[in-house]
Protein backbone atom coordinates (compact mmCIF):
# COMPACT_ATOMS: atom_id res chain seq x y z
CA UNK A 1 -21.14 24.02 -54.12
CA UNK A 2 -18.38 21.39 -54.02
CA UNK A 3 -18.86 17.72 -53.33
CA UNK A 4 -16.83 16.27 -50.46
CA UNK A 5 -14.46 14.67 -52.98
CA UNK A 6 -13.86 17.92 -54.86
CA UNK A 7 -13.50 19.86 -51.62
CA UNK A 8 -11.03 17.28 -50.29
CA UNK A 9 -8.84 17.65 -53.39
CA UNK A 10 -8.98 21.44 -53.26
CA UNK A 11 -8.22 21.67 -49.55
CA UNK A 12 -5.76 18.74 -49.42
CA UNK A 13 -7.78 17.16 -46.64
CA UNK A 14 -9.00 13.61 -47.00
CA UNK A 15 -12.76 12.85 -47.05
CA UNK A 16 -12.20 10.85 -43.84
CA UNK A 17 -10.66 13.91 -42.16
CA UNK A 18 -13.50 16.11 -43.38
CA UNK A 19 -16.06 13.75 -41.87
CA UNK A 20 -14.21 13.85 -38.53
CA UNK A 21 -13.98 17.66 -38.61
CA UNK A 22 -17.72 17.80 -39.32
CA UNK A 23 -18.42 15.59 -36.28
CA UNK A 24 -16.26 17.85 -34.10
CA UNK A 25 -17.91 21.02 -35.39
CA UNK A 26 -14.55 22.18 -36.71
CA UNK A 27 -15.45 22.29 -40.40
CA UNK A 28 -19.16 21.49 -40.98
CA UNK A 29 -20.35 21.36 -44.59
CA UNK A 30 -22.41 24.22 -45.95
CA UNK A 31 -25.20 21.80 -46.83
CA UNK A 32 -26.09 18.16 -46.25
CA UNK A 33 -28.53 16.50 -48.62
CA UNK A 34 -31.50 15.45 -46.46
CA UNK A 35 -32.11 12.31 -48.54
CA UNK A 36 -28.65 10.99 -49.46
CA UNK A 37 -26.67 12.53 -46.57
CA UNK A 38 -24.02 13.77 -49.04
CA UNK A 39 -21.96 16.69 -47.80
CA UNK A 40 -21.50 19.80 -49.92
CA UNK A 41 -19.08 22.64 -49.23
CA UNK A 42 -18.99 26.26 -50.29
CA UNK A 43 -15.85 27.57 -52.07
CA UNK A 44 -15.57 30.23 -49.34
CA UNK A 45 -14.83 27.43 -46.85
CA UNK A 46 -11.55 26.58 -48.56
CA UNK A 47 -9.61 29.25 -46.65
CA UNK A 48 -10.64 27.78 -43.29
CA UNK A 49 -9.99 24.25 -44.55
CA UNK A 50 -6.47 25.15 -45.68
CA UNK A 51 -5.77 26.78 -42.33
CA UNK A 52 -6.92 23.59 -40.62
CA UNK A 53 -4.62 21.55 -42.88
CA UNK A 54 -1.62 23.76 -42.10
CA UNK A 55 -2.27 23.67 -38.36
CA UNK A 56 -2.57 19.88 -38.48
CA UNK A 57 0.82 19.76 -40.23
CA UNK A 58 2.19 21.71 -37.27
CA UNK A 59 0.81 18.97 -35.04
CA UNK A 60 -1.74 21.22 -33.34
CA UNK A 61 -4.49 19.25 -31.55
CA UNK A 62 -7.96 19.48 -33.04
CA UNK A 63 -9.37 21.13 -29.92
CA UNK A 64 -6.86 23.96 -30.21
CA UNK A 65 -7.37 24.29 -33.97
CA UNK A 66 -11.05 24.87 -33.29
CA UNK A 67 -10.14 27.76 -30.98
CA UNK A 68 -7.69 29.30 -33.47
CA UNK A 69 -10.18 29.13 -36.34
CA UNK A 70 -12.66 31.22 -34.38
CA UNK A 71 -10.17 34.06 -33.82
CA UNK A 72 -9.54 37.17 -35.85
CA UNK A 73 -6.32 36.93 -37.94
CA UNK A 74 -4.14 38.95 -35.52
CA UNK A 75 -5.34 36.97 -32.50
CA UNK A 76 -4.93 33.71 -34.44
CA UNK A 77 -1.33 34.63 -35.23
CA UNK A 78 -0.65 35.20 -31.52
CA UNK A 79 -2.28 31.87 -30.68
CA UNK A 80 -0.16 29.98 -33.24
CA UNK A 81 3.02 31.63 -31.93
CA UNK A 82 2.09 30.69 -28.35
CA UNK A 83 1.36 27.11 -29.44
CA UNK A 84 4.72 26.79 -31.15
CA UNK A 85 6.54 28.16 -28.11
CA UNK A 86 4.84 25.46 -26.06
CA UNK A 87 5.83 22.82 -28.64
CA UNK A 88 9.46 23.86 -28.29
CA UNK A 89 9.22 23.66 -24.49
CA UNK A 90 7.56 20.25 -24.72
CA UNK A 91 10.23 19.08 -27.15
CA UNK A 92 12.90 20.03 -24.63
CA UNK A 93 11.05 18.04 -21.97
CA UNK A 94 10.77 15.03 -24.29
CA UNK A 95 14.47 15.35 -25.06
CA UNK A 96 15.18 15.02 -21.35
CA UNK A 97 12.87 12.00 -21.15
CA UNK A 98 14.56 10.44 -24.18
CA UNK A 99 17.95 10.93 -22.52
CA UNK A 100 16.58 9.26 -19.40
CA UNK A 101 15.32 6.27 -21.40
CA UNK A 102 18.57 5.96 -23.36
CA UNK A 103 20.49 5.94 -20.08
CA UNK A 104 18.16 3.27 -18.68
CA UNK A 105 18.64 1.03 -21.71
CA UNK A 106 22.41 1.50 -21.83
CA UNK A 107 22.73 0.72 -18.13
CA UNK A 108 20.67 -2.45 -18.54
CA UNK A 109 23.10 -3.54 -21.24
CA UNK A 110 26.04 -3.22 -18.81
CA UNK A 111 24.26 -4.69 -15.78
CA UNK A 112 26.15 -7.98 -15.95
CA UNK A 113 29.60 -6.51 -16.59
CA UNK A 114 29.77 -3.31 -14.55
CA UNK A 115 29.60 -3.30 -10.73
CA UNK A 116 26.84 -1.07 -9.33
CA UNK A 117 27.39 1.76 -6.91
CA UNK A 118 25.67 0.59 -3.70
CA UNK A 119 22.62 2.75 -2.96
CA UNK A 120 20.62 3.61 0.09
CA UNK A 121 17.23 5.29 -0.01
CA UNK A 122 15.98 8.16 2.14
CA UNK A 123 12.21 8.42 2.10
CA UNK A 124 9.10 10.12 3.46
CA UNK A 125 5.35 10.06 2.81
CA UNK A 126 2.51 12.34 3.82
CA UNK A 127 -1.21 12.71 3.10
CA UNK A 128 -3.71 15.48 3.79
CA UNK A 129 -7.49 15.61 3.62
CA UNK A 130 -7.40 18.97 1.87
CA UNK A 131 -9.74 21.88 2.48
CA UNK A 132 -12.92 20.78 0.69
CA UNK A 133 -13.49 17.02 0.73
CA UNK A 134 -15.54 15.67 3.68
CA UNK A 135 -13.59 12.38 3.72
CA UNK A 136 -9.95 11.43 3.40
CA UNK A 137 -9.48 8.75 0.70
CA UNK A 138 -5.78 9.03 -0.19
CA UNK A 139 -3.09 6.76 1.24
CA UNK A 140 0.70 6.81 0.96
CA UNK A 141 3.64 4.76 2.20
CA UNK A 142 7.41 5.19 2.18
CA UNK A 143 9.81 2.56 3.51
CA UNK A 144 13.29 1.12 2.92
CA UNK A 145 12.14 -0.86 -0.11
CA UNK A 146 8.72 0.47 -1.09
CA UNK A 147 7.17 3.78 -2.14
CA UNK A 148 3.45 3.86 -2.93
CA UNK A 149 0.43 6.16 -3.23
CA UNK A 150 -3.24 5.32 -3.75
CA UNK A 151 -6.27 7.54 -4.41
CA UNK A 152 -9.58 5.94 -3.45
CA UNK A 153 -12.97 6.83 -4.89
CA UNK A 154 -16.57 5.86 -4.28
CA UNK A 155 -18.45 5.19 -1.04
CA UNK A 156 -15.62 3.12 0.47
CA UNK A 157 -12.68 4.71 -1.35
CA UNK A 158 -10.65 5.35 1.78
CA UNK A 159 -10.66 1.65 2.64
CA UNK A 160 -9.89 0.71 -0.97
CA UNK A 161 -6.81 2.96 -1.02
CA UNK A 162 -5.62 1.80 2.42
CA UNK A 163 -6.11 -1.85 1.44
CA UNK A 164 -4.10 -1.38 -1.75
CA UNK A 165 -1.18 0.06 0.23
CA UNK A 166 -1.43 -2.68 2.87
CA UNK A 167 -1.30 -5.36 0.17
CA UNK A 168 2.03 -3.94 -0.99
CA UNK A 169 3.57 -3.27 2.43
CA UNK A 170 4.19 -7.00 2.92
CA UNK A 171 6.90 -6.61 0.25
CA UNK A 172 8.96 -4.59 2.75
CA UNK A 173 9.66 -7.85 4.59
CA UNK A 174 10.79 -9.84 1.54
CA UNK A 175 14.41 -9.95 0.40
CA UNK A 176 13.78 -9.83 -3.33
CA UNK A 177 16.31 -10.01 -6.13
CA UNK A 178 16.03 -7.73 -9.14
CA UNK A 179 14.64 -10.65 -11.15
CA UNK A 180 11.75 -11.02 -8.69
CA UNK A 181 10.79 -7.36 -8.36
CA UNK A 182 8.22 -6.88 -11.10
CA UNK A 183 6.51 -10.21 -10.52
CA UNK A 184 6.23 -9.71 -6.78
CA UNK A 185 4.93 -6.16 -7.15
CA UNK A 186 2.38 -7.16 -9.79
CA UNK A 187 1.10 -10.10 -7.73
CA UNK A 188 0.69 -7.96 -4.61
CA UNK A 189 -1.27 -5.36 -6.61
CA UNK A 190 -3.34 -8.13 -8.19
CA UNK A 191 -4.32 -9.31 -4.71
CA UNK A 192 -5.48 -5.78 -3.94
CA UNK A 193 -7.50 -5.73 -7.16
CA UNK A 194 -9.17 -9.05 -6.37
CA UNK A 195 -10.05 -7.73 -2.92
CA UNK A 196 -11.65 -4.54 -4.30
CA UNK A 197 -15.33 -4.20 -3.31
CA UNK A 198 -17.79 -5.42 -5.93
CA UNK A 199 -19.79 -2.78 -7.77
CA UNK A 200 -23.15 -1.91 -6.26
CA UNK A 201 -25.55 -0.90 -9.01
CA UNK A 202 -27.47 1.26 -6.55
CA UNK A 203 -24.44 3.41 -5.75
CA UNK A 204 -21.19 4.50 -7.31
CA UNK A 205 -18.45 1.91 -7.65
CA UNK A 206 -15.57 1.88 -5.22
CA UNK A 207 -11.94 1.53 -6.19
CA UNK A 208 -8.49 3.10 -6.11
CA UNK A 209 -5.54 4.16 -8.18
CA UNK A 210 -2.14 2.70 -7.31
CA UNK A 211 1.37 3.85 -8.20
CA UNK A 212 4.32 2.11 -6.54
CA UNK A 213 8.10 1.72 -6.69
CA UNK A 214 9.79 -1.38 -5.25
CA UNK A 215 13.59 -1.37 -4.82
CA UNK A 216 16.27 -4.04 -4.78
CA UNK A 217 19.77 -2.58 -4.87
CA UNK A 218 19.84 -0.20 -7.83
CA UNK A 219 16.81 -1.76 -9.51
CA UNK A 220 13.36 -0.15 -9.22
CA UNK A 221 10.15 -1.87 -10.27
CA UNK A 222 7.39 0.62 -11.17
CA UNK A 223 3.71 -0.34 -11.17
CA UNK A 224 1.04 2.15 -12.20
CA UNK A 225 -2.71 2.05 -12.66
CA UNK A 226 -4.99 5.10 -12.62
CA UNK A 227 -4.16 8.81 -12.64
CA UNK A 228 -1.77 9.15 -9.73
CA UNK A 229 1.74 9.85 -11.01
CA UNK A 230 5.42 9.06 -10.66
CA UNK A 231 8.21 11.54 -11.43
CA UNK A 232 11.99 11.36 -11.32
CA UNK A 233 14.26 14.35 -10.72
CA UNK A 234 17.51 13.70 -12.56
CA UNK A 235 20.18 16.32 -13.24
CA UNK A 236 17.68 19.04 -12.20
CA UNK A 237 15.14 17.91 -14.85
CA UNK A 238 11.77 16.59 -13.64
CA UNK A 239 10.40 13.77 -15.80
CA UNK A 240 6.96 12.20 -15.55
CA UNK A 241 7.50 8.45 -15.93
CA UNK A 242 3.85 7.34 -15.82
CA UNK A 243 0.94 8.01 -18.16
CA UNK A 244 -2.53 8.78 -16.80
CA UNK A 245 -5.18 6.12 -17.38
CA UNK A 246 -8.02 8.64 -17.60
CA UNK A 247 -10.67 9.67 -20.10
CA UNK A 248 -9.34 13.21 -20.45
CA UNK A 249 -5.78 11.96 -21.06
CA UNK A 250 -7.07 9.70 -23.85
CA UNK A 251 -8.84 12.72 -25.40
CA UNK A 252 -5.63 14.76 -25.12
CA UNK A 253 -3.68 11.92 -26.76
CA UNK A 254 -6.19 11.92 -29.65
CA UNK A 255 -5.94 15.70 -30.04
CA UNK A 256 -9.61 16.18 -29.15
CA UNK A 257 -8.89 18.07 -25.93
CA UNK A 258 -6.22 20.52 -24.82
CA UNK A 259 -4.51 20.17 -21.42
CA UNK A 260 -6.13 23.47 -20.45
CA UNK A 261 -9.59 22.11 -21.30
CA UNK A 262 -8.83 18.87 -19.47
CA UNK A 263 -8.27 20.74 -16.20
CA UNK A 264 -11.93 21.81 -16.10
CA UNK A 265 -13.52 18.95 -18.03
CA UNK A 266 -16.63 17.60 -16.26
CA UNK A 267 -15.33 14.01 -16.65
CA UNK A 268 -11.74 14.71 -15.61
CA UNK A 269 -12.01 12.23 -12.71
CA UNK A 270 -13.21 9.34 -14.90
CA UNK A 271 -10.61 6.57 -14.98
CA UNK A 272 -10.10 4.03 -17.74
CA UNK A 273 -8.06 1.71 -15.51
CA UNK A 274 -7.98 1.30 -11.73
CA UNK A 275 -8.14 -1.21 -8.87
CA UNK A 276 -11.88 -1.71 -9.25
CA UNK A 277 -13.84 -4.95 -9.40
CA UNK A 278 -15.71 -3.51 -12.40
CA UNK A 279 -12.54 -3.10 -14.51
CA UNK A 280 -9.83 -5.43 -15.76
CA UNK A 281 -6.52 -5.49 -13.87
CA UNK A 282 -4.15 -3.91 -16.42
CA UNK A 283 -1.28 -2.00 -14.78
CA UNK A 284 1.72 -0.48 -16.54
CA UNK A 285 4.94 -2.18 -15.42
CA UNK A 286 8.57 -1.24 -16.01
CA UNK A 287 11.98 -1.85 -14.51
CA UNK A 288 14.23 1.16 -13.89
CA UNK A 289 17.88 1.54 -12.97
CA UNK A 290 18.38 4.11 -10.21
CA UNK A 291 21.50 6.17 -9.71
CA UNK A 292 22.83 8.33 -6.87
CA UNK A 293 21.33 11.80 -6.55
CA UNK A 294 17.97 11.01 -8.13
CA UNK A 295 14.77 11.91 -6.33
CA UNK A 296 11.48 10.15 -7.03
CA UNK A 297 8.03 11.61 -6.38
CA UNK A 298 4.82 9.58 -6.30
CA UNK A 299 1.65 11.62 -5.83
CA UNK A 300 -2.11 11.64 -6.26
CA UNK A 301 -3.95 14.06 -8.53
CA UNK A 302 -4.85 16.19 -5.52
CA UNK A 303 -1.29 17.50 -5.79
CA UNK A 304 -0.78 17.65 -9.56
CA UNK A 305 -4.20 19.19 -10.06
CA UNK A 306 -3.22 22.38 -8.22
CA UNK A 307 0.59 22.51 -8.13
CA UNK A 308 2.28 22.91 -11.57
CA UNK A 309 5.18 20.70 -12.65
CA UNK A 310 7.60 23.64 -12.50
CA UNK A 311 6.85 24.07 -8.80
CA UNK A 312 7.20 20.34 -8.13
CA UNK A 313 10.63 20.53 -9.74
CA UNK A 314 11.66 23.50 -7.62
CA UNK A 315 10.59 21.79 -4.39
CA UNK A 316 12.33 18.51 -5.20
CA UNK A 317 15.48 20.35 -6.24
CA UNK A 318 15.73 22.66 -3.22
CA UNK A 319 14.42 20.51 -0.35
CA UNK A 320 17.01 19.30 2.14
CA UNK A 321 15.50 15.83 2.01
CA UNK A 322 12.34 13.80 1.40
CA UNK A 323 10.69 14.80 4.69
CA UNK A 324 10.99 18.51 3.96
CA UNK A 325 9.83 17.90 0.38
CA UNK A 326 6.56 16.14 1.27
CA UNK A 327 5.68 18.76 3.90
CA UNK A 328 6.36 21.59 1.43
CA UNK A 329 4.30 19.90 -1.29
CA UNK A 330 1.32 19.49 1.04
CA UNK A 331 1.68 23.12 2.13
CA UNK A 332 1.62 24.30 -1.48
CA UNK A 333 -1.45 22.20 -2.25
CA UNK A 334 -3.29 23.71 0.72
CA UNK A 335 -2.13 27.18 -0.28
CA UNK A 336 -3.69 26.54 -3.72
CA UNK A 337 -7.02 25.65 -2.13
CA UNK A 338 -6.57 21.86 -1.84
CA UNK A 339 -9.96 20.96 -3.36
CA UNK A 340 -9.05 17.26 -3.24
CA UNK A 341 -7.27 14.90 -0.86
CA UNK A 342 -3.50 14.93 -1.32
CA UNK A 343 -1.01 12.10 -1.02
CA UNK A 344 2.69 12.07 -1.84
CA UNK A 345 5.82 10.03 -1.22
CA UNK A 346 9.40 11.08 -1.99
CA UNK A 347 12.58 9.02 -2.11
CA UNK A 348 16.18 10.11 -2.60
CA UNK A 349 18.87 7.72 -3.84
CA UNK A 350 22.23 8.19 -2.16
CA UNK A 351 25.48 6.31 -2.39
CA UNK A 352 26.00 3.87 0.46
């Protein structure tokens, strides 16, 4: 038997990593001393440990490594090849996102010296109760200056979502400069958070997600809290520009859960941030520079949970305009069973 230190040196895994892999059931020791708690490993475990080390060097998440280690060699080889193909696809998607961010930063640098192309915005929003839920708790809005979606939860979730949208709709009447956008959007959302119903210990809490875009000229302020999402279609590439504030997303980020496992995880609806009196108001905020031809999609998880990103891209690319896009997206969600409420808003930037 090897001590944890000797096994760490032989496998090129740190003792800290070995303790984590033991906790996850990925690489449990052969024996644990009942008195001291010291871990001891069998020499035969080195092969599995080295495989784990190699897969970690590939960047494979721990949850997927656990699956690969349980397979026969031929099946494991197929699984590693499939993982790497997905890595290459994800890298291409991140390359597109990096290009988007570089463009945003470069355009900010020339904001004061280069005249903007005047933009107008075509827009549409639509919600649907879906085919399973007994209540409709999603809300959406699309107007000349504002795009927003909210997904309510809890006993009074429908009112929470509607109230969040109403708090933002007052911004449609304000003639804001680009310097005012983020502050005005954040304050309106903060009012909605302060107005959220207090938690009732006897029942579930009530709250809502909120994702919104506020426009002034070519500037777009983005506010996001929860697991609704915002996407931009630019040069035929669809980019997700928000990050889910959910338990399963945090587990994916840590490599403890695969996206496939997240889709059926029993706590997939648990949020880490939302408009909820029981949580701190902590939205993500960013300022974007829009350009002609872009299409923006804001949607609740009732859409993204059943309609894959590739299909979202196809719809946004082929639709004649925002109105056709939102109707087609709702149709596809219902065609996929629509187990949740669905809300979406689409905007298209066009030259004035």
